[in-house]
Amino acid sequence: MITVKPVPAGTLTAVNDGKGNTGWLHNCGAFAWSPVQPHRCGVCWSAMRNRQAFNGSWTKAYTNREAS
């Protein structure tokens, strides 16, 4: 199982998937691989096409593979 977790506050090192890819977690729960903060949330845009898709509520995040 793969889980997505926010990067703890105050973390200064780059967090990535081991291949240099960094990720972002939107406040709706969507995760996106991107080196920079995405402009809009694709999930919110597809579902609602409203301001929430552009609200900028992104948190730096990483994935964690757990043994099943």
Protein backbone atom coordinates (compact mmCIF):
# COMPACT_ATOMS: atom_id res chain seq x y z
CA MET A 1 0.00 0.00 0.00
CA ILE A 2 1.23 3.51 -0.78
CA THR A 3 0.33 6.40 1.50
CA VAL A 4 0.83 10.13 1.01
CA LYS A 5 2.07 12.09 4.00
CA PRO A 6 2.72 15.83 4.47
CA VAL A 7 6.33 16.84 4.96
CA PRO A 8 6.85 17.86 8.62
CA ALA A 9 7.12 21.61 9.22
CA GLY A 10 10.68 22.86 9.47
CA THR A 11 12.11 20.17 7.19
CA LEU A 12 14.86 21.79 5.16
CA THR A 13 15.94 18.85 3.02
CA ALA A 14 14.34 18.01 -0.31
CA VAL A 15 11.78 15.24 -0.14
CA ASN A 16 11.37 13.08 -3.21
CA ASP A 17 10.48 9.61 -4.41
CA GLY A 18 14.08 8.49 -4.77
CA LYS A 19 14.19 9.60 -8.41
CA GLY A 20 14.24 13.32 -7.65
CA ASN A 21 10.48 13.81 -8.06
CA THR A 22 8.84 15.98 -5.43
CA GLY A 23 5.15 16.05 -4.66
CA TRP A 24 2.37 18.32 -3.40
CA LEU A 25 -0.80 17.50 -1.46
CA HIS A 26 -3.86 19.71 -2.09
CA ASN A 27 -6.31 20.41 0.74
CA CYS A 28 -8.93 18.27 -1.08
CA GLY A 29 -6.62 15.24 -0.77
CA ALA A 30 -5.31 15.15 -4.34
CA PHE A 31 -1.59 14.45 -4.81
CA ALA A 32 0.50 15.73 -7.72
CA TRP A 33 4.14 15.12 -8.66
CA SER A 34 5.70 18.50 -9.46
CA PRO A 35 9.02 20.25 -8.78
CA VAL A 36 7.10 23.48 -8.02
CA GLN A 37 3.72 24.16 -6.45
CA PRO A 38 1.00 23.45 -9.04
CA HIS A 39 -1.09 26.36 -10.33
CA ARG A 40 -4.37 24.53 -9.91
CA CYS A 41 -5.73 21.22 -8.65
CA GLY A 42 -6.76 18.96 -11.53
CA VAL A 43 -9.20 17.01 -9.34
CA CYS A 44 -11.02 20.15 -8.14
CA TRP A 45 -10.97 21.63 -11.63
CA SER A 46 -12.48 18.49 -13.17
CA ALA A 47 -15.13 18.13 -10.47
CA MET A 48 -16.14 21.72 -9.72
CA ARG A 49 -14.34 24.19 -12.03
CA ASN A 50 -14.38 26.81 -9.30
CA ARG A 51 -12.00 28.93 -7.21
CA GLN A 52 -11.05 26.01 -4.96
CA ALA A 53 -8.99 24.61 -7.83
CA PHE A 54 -6.80 27.74 -7.69
CA ASN A 55 -6.78 28.41 -3.94
CA GLY A 56 -3.11 27.60 -3.47
CA SER A 57 -3.68 25.35 -0.46
CA TRP A 58 -0.83 22.99 -1.31
CA THR A 59 1.45 21.25 1.18
CA LYS A 60 4.80 19.68 0.27
CA ALA A 61 4.30 15.91 0.52
CA TYR A 62 5.95 12.56 -0.09
CA THR A 63 4.84 9.00 -0.75
CA ASN A 64 5.62 6.08 1.52
CA ARG A 65 5.38 2.43 0.42
CA GLU A 66 4.29 0.20 3.28
CA ALA A 67 4.50 -3.55 3.38
CA SER A 68 1.12 -5.17 2.91
